[in-house]
Amino acid sequence: MTCPFVFGCGEFGLAAAPAPTMTIEPTWTISPLPSPTVTETVTPTFVPTDTPTVSPSPTFTLTPTATVTPEPQFVFQGPGDVTVPILLYHHIGISQKDSTYYISPDQFDRQMNLLYTWGYRTISVEQLVSAIRHGAELPVKPILLTFDDGGETVYTDAFPILEKYGFTGTVYIVHYFVGVSLYMDRDQIRELYNAGWEVGSHGLSHLDLTSRPGKQMEEIVNSRSRLESYLDVPVLSFAYPFGAYDKDSLYLVKYAGYVAAMGLGEEVIQGDRNIYYLYRQSITSDLNLETFASLLPWQSGLTTQLAVTVVP
């Protein structure tokens, strides 16, 4: 190890003794060893020491693991009655006329956050019908989110919020409203469908079916075929405008081939007896988060959970 440095000092020693110069020549030849100076070796040694220090990669991997919650558990439910709350929304946005049917995006986000935190997971109408009729694997806390009329805010505001939580919904479209100002167009509705949403009929023109019996065939039966043809998506269920129905409209819903129909009601137990008038709870802007939570069947630790959820 000292040879390179001795060579540096030895250079002066050689000048003082000329006679042994010839003998020392070999040492002179061997001394090119300094060129691979240990400086080169020192550089690689520092790199490995640096790499372990810079690698808090474990921390990076832990972050997603902490954020991502476990996959929802599924249990076999039905056939017969199943507990599935169905929520009814209209517009997710800011109302120019202070309409209670407009839920602000922030309020809607908080509601979805609460559902997600409490372990609720969305299902489709088709899954619900399958569970009622034959029994099916459903999430432990299943919920259905429905949106009536086909307002554009469902696409612009509700859709991205639901995607954030891995939720999907069902839109009930009024045929004559498609593409009209403030309502979704064909491409937007199809995009929802391609993202896993369901599309249902809300009639041709949003008439109260009990007040216009002569229009029932057109509004219920024809709306299905027209929507399927225009949107090129299956239309599996119907939503009674204003929740109003009578025995004729009930008959025509079955005749049209819908698998289910949506009505109104505060119950959360759905079954074969009401498959053509499933109970839905209307969500309006005057509901605070605590009242919203009280509509849900599974709400353990309500106050604690609310305190945690409300904090952004």
Foldseek 3Di string as FASTA:
>chain_A
DCLLVCVVVVVVVCVVDVVCVVVCVVVVVVNVVCVVPCVVVVVVVVVVVVVVVPPPVVVVVVVVVVVDDDDFFWDKADQWKDFEAEAEAEAADDDPVPFQRYADLVQVLLLVLLCLVLREAEDALVQVLCCNHPIDIDGPHYYAYEYEAQFPRCQVRVVVSCVVSPHAHEYAYQQCCAPPPRGHHLVSVVVSVVSPYHYAHAFNHLDQCVVCVVCLLRGQQVRQVVCCVVNVHHHAEYERRVLHDDPVSLVSNVVSRHSAYEHADLGRIDHPVHRNYGHYHYRTRPDHSLNSLVSGPDQPPPVVSSVVSVPD
